Protein backbone atom coordinates (compact mmCIF):
# COMPACT_ATOMS: atom_id res chain seq x y z
CA UNK A 1 -40.34 -25.93 30.39
CA UNK A 2 -39.87 -24.28 33.72
CA UNK A 3 -43.04 -22.61 35.10
CA UNK A 4 -43.40 -18.85 35.41
CA UNK A 5 -42.01 -17.41 38.61
CA UNK A 6 -44.20 -15.03 40.62
CA UNK A 7 -42.58 -12.35 42.73
CA UNK A 8 -44.85 -10.46 45.17
CA UNK A 9 -45.31 -6.82 44.17
CA UNK A 10 -43.53 -7.23 40.80
CA UNK A 11 -44.47 -8.13 37.28
CA UNK A 12 -42.30 -10.86 35.76
CA UNK A 13 -42.36 -12.93 32.64
CA UNK A 14 -39.29 -15.16 32.59
CA UNK A 15 -39.04 -18.29 30.48
CA UNK A 16 -35.87 -20.40 31.02
CA UNK A 17 -35.19 -23.37 28.74
CA UNK A 18 -32.72 -25.46 30.76
CA UNK A 19 -32.03 -28.00 28.04
CA UNK A 20 -30.90 -25.45 25.41
CA UNK A 21 -27.28 -25.96 24.32
CA UNK A 22 -26.55 -22.24 24.13
CA UNK A 23 -25.98 -21.82 27.89
CA UNK A 24 -22.64 -20.09 28.58
CA UNK A 25 -20.38 -21.81 31.03
CA UNK A 26 -17.26 -19.71 30.60
CA UNK A 27 -15.11 -18.32 27.82
CA UNK A 28 -12.24 -20.56 26.73
CA UNK A 29 -10.44 -17.82 24.68
CA UNK A 30 -9.51 -14.26 25.37
CA UNK A 31 -11.12 -12.44 22.41
CA UNK A 32 -9.63 -9.03 23.18
CA UNK A 33 -5.96 -10.24 23.43
CA UNK A 34 -4.88 -8.48 20.19
CA UNK A 35 -1.16 -7.81 20.90
CA UNK A 36 1.00 -10.92 21.44
CA UNK A 37 3.57 -10.36 24.19
CA UNK A 38 2.11 -7.10 25.50
CA UNK A 39 -0.83 -6.01 27.58
CA UNK A 40 -3.91 -4.85 25.71
CA UNK A 41 -5.82 -1.91 27.20
CA UNK A 42 -8.90 -2.91 29.24
CA UNK A 43 -8.49 -6.57 28.35
CA UNK A 44 -8.84 -8.15 31.78
CA UNK A 45 -8.17 -11.73 30.55
CA UNK A 46 -4.91 -10.89 28.75
CA UNK A 47 -2.23 -13.15 30.21
CA UNK A 48 0.42 -10.48 29.37
CA UNK A 49 -1.05 -8.12 31.95
CA UNK A 50 1.11 -8.86 34.98
CA UNK A 51 -1.20 -7.52 37.67
CA UNK A 52 -2.97 -10.13 39.82
CA UNK A 53 -6.20 -8.15 39.61
CA UNK A 54 -6.48 -6.37 36.22
CA UNK A 55 -9.51 -4.43 37.37
CA UNK A 56 -7.13 -2.38 39.57
CA UNK A 57 -5.24 -1.22 36.49
CA UNK A 58 -7.95 -0.77 33.87
CA UNK A 59 -10.84 1.70 34.17
CA UNK A 60 -13.21 -0.99 32.90
CA UNK A 61 -13.06 -4.52 31.44
CA UNK A 62 -14.02 -5.19 27.82
CA UNK A 63 -17.05 -7.44 27.32
CA UNK A 64 -16.07 -11.10 27.55
CA UNK A 65 -12.73 -10.41 29.26
CA UNK A 66 -13.86 -11.18 32.80
CA UNK A 67 -14.55 -14.59 34.31
CA UNK A 68 -17.88 -15.77 32.96
CA UNK A 69 -20.61 -16.76 35.38
CA UNK A 70 -22.90 -19.67 34.53
CA UNK A 71 -25.83 -18.14 32.59
CA UNK A 72 -29.04 -19.69 31.38
CA UNK A 73 -29.88 -18.07 28.09
CA UNK A 74 -32.66 -17.77 25.53
CA UNK A 75 -33.45 -15.40 22.68
CA UNK A 76 -34.16 -11.84 23.76
CA UNK A 77 -37.30 -11.58 21.66
CA UNK A 78 -39.04 -14.12 23.92
CA UNK A 79 -38.81 -11.69 26.91
CA UNK A 80 -41.46 -9.00 27.29
CA UNK A 81 -40.31 -7.56 30.58
CA UNK A 82 -37.80 -8.64 33.23
CA UNK A 83 -38.16 -7.92 36.91
CA UNK A 84 -36.36 -11.01 38.18
CA UNK A 85 -34.38 -10.92 41.47
CA UNK A 86 -31.34 -12.39 39.67
CA UNK A 87 -28.54 -10.82 37.68
CA UNK A 88 -29.24 -10.69 33.88
CA UNK A 89 -27.41 -9.51 30.82
CA UNK A 90 -27.71 -9.33 27.05
CA UNK A 91 -25.15 -11.18 24.88
CA UNK A 92 -24.58 -10.97 21.19
CA UNK A 93 -26.09 -8.67 18.62
CA UNK A 94 -29.52 -8.39 17.00
CA UNK A 95 -31.33 -10.33 15.67
CA UNK A 96 -29.64 -13.22 17.56
CA UNK A 97 -29.32 -11.31 20.86
CA UNK A 98 -29.53 -13.49 23.98
CA UNK A 99 -31.15 -12.70 27.31
CA UNK A 100 -29.17 -14.55 30.02
CA UNK A 101 -29.98 -15.02 33.74
CA UNK A 102 -27.63 -16.17 36.53
CA UNK A 103 -29.39 -17.85 39.39
CA UNK A 104 -26.30 -18.90 41.34
CA UNK A 105 -25.71 -15.69 43.23
CA UNK A 106 -28.22 -15.74 46.08
CA UNK A 107 -26.71 -12.73 47.77
CA UNK A 108 -28.41 -10.30 45.40
CA UNK A 109 -31.93 -11.70 45.35
CA UNK A 110 -34.99 -10.37 47.11
CA UNK A 111 -35.37 -13.27 49.52
CA UNK A 112 -32.25 -12.75 51.66
CA UNK A 113 -33.13 -12.18 55.35
CA UNK A 114 -32.07 -8.63 56.26
CA UNK A 115 -29.48 -8.26 59.04
CA UNK A 116 -31.07 -7.59 62.39
CA UNK A 117 -29.91 -4.44 64.20
CA UNK A 118 -30.30 -4.16 67.98
CA UNK A 119 -28.59 -2.28 70.81
CA UNK A 120 -25.60 -4.61 70.72
CA UNK A 121 -24.95 -4.37 66.96
CA UNK A 122 -25.97 -0.81 66.31
CA UNK A 123 -22.51 0.66 66.93
CA UNK A 124 -20.76 -1.65 64.48
CA UNK A 125 -23.37 -1.11 61.74
CA UNK A 126 -23.39 2.70 62.08
CA UNK A 127 -19.58 3.13 62.43
CA UNK A 128 -18.79 3.37 58.68
CA UNK A 129 -21.31 6.26 58.34
CA UNK A 130 -20.61 8.19 61.53
CA UNK A 131 -18.60 11.49 61.65
CA UNK A 132 -19.02 15.24 62.17
CA UNK A 133 -21.82 16.67 60.11
CA UNK A 134 -21.44 20.42 60.56
CA UNK A 135 -17.78 21.01 59.92
CA UNK A 136 -16.13 20.82 56.45
CA UNK A 137 -13.34 18.30 56.03
CA UNK A 138 -9.91 19.89 56.44
CA UNK A 139 -7.95 20.39 53.21
CA UNK A 140 -5.22 17.75 52.74
CA UNK A 141 -2.54 17.06 50.26
CA UNK A 142 -3.79 15.39 47.04
CA UNK A 143 -3.42 11.60 47.05
CA UNK A 144 -1.79 9.86 44.12
CA UNK A 145 -2.27 6.24 43.12
CA UNK A 146 0.60 3.81 43.27
CA UNK A 147 0.56 3.17 39.52
CA UNK A 148 -1.00 4.48 36.32
CA UNK A 149 -4.43 3.20 35.27
CA UNK A 150 -5.55 3.12 31.67
CA UNK A 151 -6.87 6.54 30.77
CA UNK A 152 -5.03 8.44 33.57
CA UNK A 153 -3.16 11.59 32.53
CA UNK A 154 0.60 11.10 32.17
CA UNK A 155 2.07 13.33 34.80
CA UNK A 156 5.12 15.58 34.31
CA UNK A 157 7.19 17.76 36.59
CA UNK A 158 9.21 20.84 35.61
CA UNK A 159 12.72 21.69 36.75
CA UNK A 160 11.19 23.99 39.27
CA UNK A 161 9.00 21.29 40.70
CA UNK A 162 5.67 22.30 39.14
CA UNK A 163 3.39 19.35 38.53
CA UNK A 164 1.67 19.10 35.16
CA UNK A 165 0.67 16.62 32.43
CA UNK A 166 2.15 15.50 29.15
CA UNK A 167 0.32 17.71 26.73
CA UNK A 168 -1.34 16.55 23.53
CA UNK A 169 -2.91 19.64 21.97
CA UNK A 170 -6.44 19.12 20.67
CA UNK A 171 -8.81 21.24 18.50
CA UNK A 172 -11.11 23.67 20.20
CA UNK A 173 -14.04 25.68 18.80
CA UNK A 174 -15.39 25.84 15.26
CA UNK A 175 -11.99 26.99 13.89
CA UNK A 176 -10.15 23.97 15.44
CA UNK A 177 -7.66 26.16 17.21
CA UNK A 178 -5.07 24.27 19.32
CA UNK A 179 -5.77 23.95 23.06
CA UNK A 180 -2.66 22.93 25.04
CA UNK A 181 -4.73 21.82 28.06
CA UNK A 182 -5.58 18.38 26.66
CA UNK A 183 -3.44 15.71 28.51
CA UNK A 184 -2.13 12.51 26.99
CA UNK A 185 -3.92 9.46 28.46
CA UNK A 186 -1.97 6.46 29.63
CA UNK A 187 -2.14 3.36 27.37
CA UNK A 188 -4.41 5.15 24.92
CA UNK A 189 -2.74 5.70 21.53
CA UNK A 190 -4.26 8.83 20.00
CA UNK A 191 -3.80 11.26 17.14
CA UNK A 192 -5.06 14.87 17.22
CA UNK A 193 -4.87 17.70 14.68
CA UNK A 194 -5.45 21.42 15.24
CA UNK A 195 -4.58 24.79 13.90
CA UNK A 196 -2.13 27.50 15.02
CA UNK A 197 -2.04 31.17 13.94
CA UNK A 198 1.04 32.02 11.91
CA UNK A 199 2.50 35.33 10.84
CA UNK A 200 5.87 37.04 10.46
CA UNK A 201 5.54 38.28 14.03
CA UNK A 202 4.61 34.93 15.66
CA UNK A 203 7.11 32.86 13.70
CA UNK A 204 9.93 33.31 16.22
CA UNK A 205 7.92 34.40 19.27
CA UNK A 206 5.19 31.71 19.46
CA UNK A 207 6.69 28.92 21.61
CA UNK A 208 4.19 26.31 20.30
CA UNK A 209 5.85 26.50 16.88
CA UNK A 210 9.23 25.42 18.34
CA UNK A 211 10.22 21.81 19.09
CA UNK A 212 11.68 22.72 22.46
CA UNK A 213 8.23 23.67 23.69
CA UNK A 214 7.22 19.96 23.77
CA UNK A 215 10.13 18.39 25.70
CA UNK A 216 12.40 20.89 27.42
CA UNK A 217 12.05 21.85 31.12
CA UNK A 218 9.90 18.77 31.86
CA UNK A 219 10.28 15.14 32.86
CA UNK A 220 7.64 12.41 33.10
CA UNK A 221 6.81 10.81 36.42
CA UNK A 222 7.48 7.04 36.44
CA UNK A 223 4.31 6.45 38.48
CA UNK A 224 1.82 9.02 39.96
CA UNK A 225 2.98 8.26 43.52
CA UNK A 226 6.38 9.75 42.63
CA UNK A 227 4.74 13.21 42.74
CA UNK A 228 5.19 13.29 46.51
CA UNK A 229 8.68 11.76 46.52
CA UNK A 230 11.38 14.40 45.99
CA UNK A 231 14.04 11.77 45.35
CA UNK A 232 11.89 9.64 43.02
CA UNK A 233 13.08 8.86 39.55
CA UNK A 234 12.07 11.29 36.79
CA UNK A 235 11.98 10.06 33.19
CA UNK A 236 13.47 12.69 30.84
CA UNK A 237 11.86 13.32 27.40
CA UNK A 238 14.59 12.71 24.89
CA UNK A 239 14.83 14.30 21.45
CA UNK A 240 17.48 14.82 18.77
CA UNK A 241 15.88 17.91 17.29
CA UNK A 242 17.49 21.23 18.26
CA UNK A 243 16.45 23.57 15.40
CA UNK A 244 14.29 26.57 16.22
CA UNK A 245 12.00 28.60 13.98
CA UNK A 246 13.81 31.30 11.94
CA UNK A 247 12.15 33.94 9.71
CA UNK A 248 13.96 34.37 6.38
CA UNK A 249 12.13 36.82 4.17
CA UNK A 250 8.51 35.80 4.11
CA UNK A 251 9.22 32.16 4.98
CA UNK A 252 9.18 30.76 8.49
CA UNK A 253 11.69 27.89 8.67
CA UNK A 254 11.87 24.95 11.08
CA UNK A 255 8.25 25.19 12.17
CA UNK A 256 6.77 22.14 13.97
CA UNK A 257 4.02 20.50 11.91
CA UNK A 258 4.07 16.99 13.56
CA UNK A 259 4.89 15.74 17.06
CA UNK A 260 5.15 12.02 17.88
CA UNK A 261 5.64 10.90 21.52
CA UNK A 262 6.70 7.32 22.10
CA UNK A 263 6.18 6.12 25.70
CA UNK A 264 7.77 2.90 26.98
CA UNK A 265 6.12 1.28 29.98
CA UNK A 266 6.67 -1.80 32.12
CA UNK A 267 3.23 -2.86 33.39
CA UNK A 268 2.30 -1.42 36.72
CA UNK A 269 5.99 -0.66 37.42
CA UNK A 270 5.47 2.50 35.44
CA UNK A 271 6.98 4.47 32.52
CA UNK A 272 10.59 3.66 31.72
CA UNK A 273 11.29 5.94 28.75
CA UNK A 274 9.86 8.75 26.66
CA UNK A 275 11.10 10.02 23.28
CA UNK A 276 9.68 12.60 20.93
CA UNK A 277 10.12 13.01 17.18
CA UNK A 278 9.30 16.04 15.12
CA UNK A 279 8.54 16.97 11.51
CA UNK A 280 9.78 20.45 10.74
CA UNK A 281 8.60 22.43 7.71
CA UNK A 282 9.27 25.70 5.98
CA UNK A 283 5.95 27.60 5.70
CA UNK A 284 5.08 30.94 4.17
CA UNK A 285 4.55 33.50 6.97
CA UNK A 286 1.61 34.88 5.01
CA UNK A 287 -0.40 31.63 5.14
CA UNK A 288 -2.01 32.79 8.51
CA UNK A 289 -2.94 29.21 9.59
CA UNK A 290 -0.66 26.26 10.33
CA UNK A 291 -1.96 22.73 10.83
CA UNK A 292 -0.18 20.56 13.49
CA UNK A 293 -0.62 16.86 14.16
CA UNK A 294 0.14 15.29 17.57
CA UNK A 295 0.48 11.51 18.23
CA UNK A 296 1.11 9.51 21.39
CA UNK A 297 2.17 5.81 21.09
CA UNK A 298 2.62 3.40 23.98
CA UNK A 299 4.92 0.39 23.73
CA UNK A 300 5.95 -2.27 26.26
CA UNK A 301 9.52 -1.71 27.38
CA UNK A 302 10.38 -5.36 26.69
CA UNK A 303 9.48 -5.04 23.02
CA UNK A 304 11.46 -1.82 22.47
CA UNK A 305 14.49 -3.78 21.19
CA UNK A 306 12.48 -6.38 19.33
CA UNK A 307 11.32 -4.26 16.39
CA UNK A 308 7.73 -3.39 15.60
CA UNK A 309 5.24 -5.00 17.98
CA UNK A 310 2.88 -7.53 16.46
CA UNK A 311 -0.84 -6.89 16.44
CA UNK A 312 -3.82 -9.04 15.80
CA UNK A 313 -7.05 -8.05 14.10
CA UNK A 314 -9.11 -10.18 16.46
CA UNK A 315 -8.79 -13.27 18.59
CA UNK A 316 -9.73 -15.50 16.99
CA UNK A 317 -12.39 -13.81 14.76
CA UNK A 318 -11.99 -10.43 13.09
CA UNK A 319 -13.16 -7.27 14.89
CA UNK A 320 -14.92 -4.55 12.99
CA UNK A 321 -12.49 -1.76 12.03
CA UNK A 322 -9.28 -3.85 12.36
CA UNK A 323 -7.01 -4.40 9.28
CA UNK A 324 -7.76 -7.31 6.92
CA UNK A 325 -4.71 -9.59 6.85
CA UNK A 326 -3.25 -11.10 3.69
CA UNK A 327 -0.23 -13.39 2.98
CA UNK A 328 1.95 -10.29 2.39
CA UNK A 329 0.69 -8.02 5.14
CA UNK A 330 -2.33 -5.78 5.63
CA UNK A 331 -4.71 -5.32 2.66
CA UNK A 332 -4.77 -1.74 1.49
CA UNK A 333 -6.59 0.61 -0.86
CA UNK A 334 -5.75 3.88 -2.67
CA UNK A 335 -6.23 7.32 -1.24
CA UNK A 336 -5.39 10.74 -2.61
CA UNK A 337 -2.83 13.18 -1.16
CA UNK A 338 -2.13 16.84 -1.78
CA UNK A 339 -0.71 17.49 -5.21
CA UNK A 340 -2.59 14.64 -6.93
CA UNK A 341 -0.23 12.05 -5.47
CA UNK A 342 -1.34 8.55 -4.57
CA UNK A 343 -0.99 6.91 -1.19
CA UNK A 344 -2.57 3.91 0.57
CA UNK A 345 -4.61 3.16 3.71
CA UNK A 346 -5.55 -0.16 5.39
CA UNK A 347 -8.75 -2.00 4.49
CA UNK A 348 -10.79 -2.16 7.67
CA UNK A 349 -12.86 -5.28 8.32
CA UNK A 350 -16.53 -4.76 7.92
CA UNK A 351 -16.07 -1.16 6.62
CA UNK A 352 -17.21 -0.70 3.03
CA UNK A 353 -15.01 1.97 1.37
CA UNK A 354 -14.47 3.75 -1.90
CA UNK A 355 -11.43 5.95 -2.61
CA UNK A 356 -8.96 6.77 -5.34
CA UNK A 357 -6.44 9.16 -6.92
CA UNK A 358 -5.41 10.45 -10.32
CA UNK A 359 -2.49 9.50 -12.66
CA UNK A 360 -1.20 10.84 -15.95
CA UNK A 361 0.97 9.04 -18.56
CA UNK A 362 4.54 10.25 -18.83
CA UNK A 363 6.08 11.45 -22.08
CA UNK A 364 8.28 8.38 -22.48
CA UNK A 365 5.68 5.80 -21.20
CA UNK A 366 4.32 3.19 -23.50
CA UNK A 367 0.82 1.75 -23.20
CA UNK A 368 2.27 -1.23 -21.44
CA UNK A 369 4.16 0.97 -19.01
CA UNK A 370 0.99 2.84 -18.10
CA UNK A 371 -0.97 -0.36 -17.75
CA UNK A 372 1.65 -1.78 -15.36
CA UNK A 373 1.80 1.38 -13.31
CA UNK A 374 -1.95 1.60 -12.92
CA UNK A 375 -2.21 -2.05 -11.99
CA UNK A 376 0.48 -1.76 -9.33
CA UNK A 377 -1.12 1.37 -7.89
CA UNK A 378 -4.53 -0.39 -7.65
CA UNK A 379 -3.13 -3.59 -6.15
CA UNK A 380 -0.51 -1.94 -3.92
CA UNK A 381 2.63 -3.17 -5.68
CA UNK A 382 2.75 -6.85 -4.94
CA UNK A 383 -0.52 -8.77 -5.45
CA UNK A 384 -1.68 -10.76 -2.40
CA UNK A 385 -2.51 -14.42 -3.06
CA UNK A 386 -4.73 -15.18 -0.06
CA UNK A 387 -6.50 -13.63 2.95
CA UNK A 388 -6.26 -14.81 6.58
CA UNK A 389 -9.56 -16.38 7.52
CA UNK A 390 -9.15 -15.35 11.19
CA UNK A 391 -7.79 -12.17 12.77
CA UNK A 392 -5.31 -13.87 15.16
CA UNK A 393 -2.81 -14.93 12.46
CA UNK A 394 0.32 -12.83 13.04
CA UNK A 395 3.16 -12.23 10.61
CA UNK A 396 5.06 -15.37 9.76
CA UNK A 397 2.51 -17.64 11.40
CA UNK A 398 0.80 -20.45 9.58
CA UNK A 399 -2.97 -20.63 9.66
CA UNK A 400 -6.16 -21.04 7.69
CA UNK A 401 -6.20 -18.84 4.60
CA UNK A 402 -8.62 -18.47 1.68
CA UNK A 403 -7.27 -17.86 -1.87
CA UNK A 404 -8.16 -14.64 -3.73
CA UNK A 405 -9.93 -15.06 -7.10
CA UNK A 406 -8.72 -12.51 -9.58
CA UNK A 407 -10.73 -11.22 -12.58
CA UNK A 408 -8.33 -9.22 -14.72
CA UNK A 409 -8.69 -7.34 -17.96
CA UNK A 410 -6.37 -7.62 -20.99
CA UNK A 411 -3.83 -5.15 -22.40
CA UNK A 412 -4.81 -3.61 -25.72
CA UNK A 413 -3.95 -0.58 -27.85
CA UNK A 414 -0.82 1.59 -27.93
CA UNK A 415 0.01 4.87 -26.24
CA UNK A 416 0.01 6.71 -29.48
CA UNK A 417 -3.74 7.16 -29.12
CA UNK A 418 -5.58 5.42 -26.29
CA UNK A 419 -4.86 2.63 -23.91
CA UNK A 420 -7.13 0.11 -22.21
CA UNK A 421 -5.89 0.18 -18.63
CA UNK A 422 -7.30 -0.94 -15.30
CA UNK A 423 -9.03 2.07 -13.74
CA UNK A 424 -10.81 0.39 -10.79
CA UNK A 425 -10.41 -2.54 -8.44
CA UNK A 426 -13.40 -3.92 -6.52
CA UNK A 427 -12.33 -6.15 -3.58
CA UNK A 428 -15.31 -8.33 -2.72
CA UNK A 429 -14.83 -10.11 0.68
CA UNK A 430 -17.28 -12.73 1.91
CA UNK A 431 -17.41 -13.46 5.59
CA UNK A 432 -19.59 -15.25 8.14
CA UNK A 433 -20.02 -15.64 11.92
CA UNK A 434 -19.01 -19.05 13.19
CA UNK A 435 -18.98 -20.78 16.56
CA UNK A 436 -21.31 -20.47 19.53
CA UNK A 437 -24.36 -18.39 19.16
CA UNK A 438 -23.48 -16.63 22.44
CA UNK A 439 -19.99 -15.77 21.28
CA UNK A 440 -19.77 -15.77 17.47
CA UNK A 441 -16.45 -15.10 15.67
CA UNK A 442 -16.17 -13.32 12.30
CA UNK A 443 -14.33 -15.36 9.70
CA UNK A 444 -13.40 -14.53 6.09
CA UNK A 445 -14.63 -17.29 3.81
CA UNK A 446 -13.81 -15.98 0.31
CA UNK A 447 -12.51 -13.08 -1.69
CA UNK A 448 -12.61 -11.94 -5.33
CA UNK A 449 -10.68 -9.02 -6.80
CA UNK A 450 -12.41 -7.62 -9.94
CA UNK A 451 -10.53 -5.16 -12.19
CA UNK A 452 -12.43 -2.90 -14.55
CA UNK A 453 -10.64 -1.39 -17.60
CA UNK A 454 -11.29 1.73 -19.57
CA UNK A 455 -9.88 3.38 -22.64
CA UNK A 456 -7.97 6.48 -21.61
CA UNK A 457 -5.86 9.15 -23.32
CA UNK A 458 -2.27 8.50 -22.26
CA UNK A 459 -1.26 12.11 -21.73
CA UNK A 460 -4.46 13.09 -19.91
CA UNK A 461 -5.42 12.72 -16.27
CA UNK A 462 -7.14 9.46 -15.44
CA UNK A 463 -8.91 8.54 -12.15
CA UNK A 464 -8.06 5.27 -10.41
CA UNK A 465 -10.55 3.90 -7.85
CA UNK A 466 -10.38 1.09 -5.30
CA UNK A 467 -13.50 -0.24 -3.59
CA UNK A 468 -13.97 -2.84 -0.86
CA UNK A 469 -17.26 -4.46 0.08
CA UNK A 470 -18.08 -6.99 2.81
CA UNK A 471 -20.92 -9.49 2.42
CA UNK A 472 -22.25 -11.40 5.44
CA UNK A 473 -23.05 -15.03 4.61
CA UNK A 474 -23.93 -16.12 8.10
CA UNK A 475 -26.72 -18.73 8.27
CA UNK A 476 -28.32 -18.75 11.68
CA UNK A 477 -30.03 -21.82 13.16
CA UNK A 478 -33.72 -21.93 13.96
CA UNK A 479 -34.96 -20.12 17.04
CA UNK A 480 -36.00 -22.26 20.04
CA UNK A 481 -39.64 -22.99 19.99
CA UNK A 482 -41.89 -21.62 22.82
CA UNK A 483 -43.00 -24.48 24.95
CA UNK A 484 -39.89 -26.68 24.62
CA UNK A 485 -39.43 -29.10 27.45
CA UNK A 486 -36.36 -30.43 29.16
């Protein structure tokens, strides 16, 4: 074991076990590369990001996506206090969190001899900090970067030359009223919802209720630097919707309830196309409040003609919150919509959920028909046979999969009285962290789908529920013993 290091004027307890196999020498995979063929936001190791230095494009780099230094690591619980002159970091998550120290960068330690300043070198050292101290800097034209960075506002220009930003209204205040000052942020897909006031007076006069408000008299700047170039290319916002709100009686027709912007981009070369789609509704003018939803989606220009872009749920291990992948697509569970109708939403890895909706037997349905309909609603139509063990298996790609064990219930009774139908599905998913302790990857190791049945009256309302639970089976190795020697 290395001896304790004493630093004058500082308190330090640093134990470094050089022989431990958990030292990190560099990542061999890009764990944040989730979109094959396109650049992932803030993933500085993604080979699809064409820029030579990704840090110039992204506002920050996701953990693990930059070139790894050589660290010497040990468990964080062994460290009481760190005041070492070397760079240090924490890797992993509790209780297996690692404290790592890099001793290779001598330029940042306390023992570097300071640069000597004398009469000959004073001018060169002070030059970067010299300047007038008593006069304010003269106002100058705003400077624009050569390309968009992730998180930058998407700039627009009107036909009269006024500079603005692509608007994505957001809720403001306790009543969630729409604020049109919220800009869309480059490369950040987002969905917002807010409320507009609606009446017979505002139906035809409030511009925000009309589709033209969101695309006419404005074009998007290809790159921010085009703001100062009068002859630079402007990207028009295309839309096929031309209807405007019309008040007929007490119903306001053609009111915008959903706006979806699709922005095509070509790396640092800028934005190449923008389109906007609308959902128009007929709403009672006496409802007083109208809910609107706004979405912005970014797609690589190269993939625009190749259909929906593929997406991973991790690389290679699953990431918390990403969809769980099956042999027929993303795993899903029930959710309720307005009017007692049933819809579905994706199962998110690591997120335990419970949701459902209601059904009622039809006049002509038999007990078998109701059983089949309830089963298909719970399972999502077609029953999956297996789950992808890792999150980087894309559609149509072979890979390790684990079969789903089904526990069904039998069909009994007839619809003249009561039926025994499946009313709940519990998806039990087992997973574990595998690989290096310093960079573990989440992997699905097993799954069981358990149906529960209940006697219900065929013509009465019945509640269907889907539940998903995740169980961590990770077995961690023993902690390094204090006093280990090389």
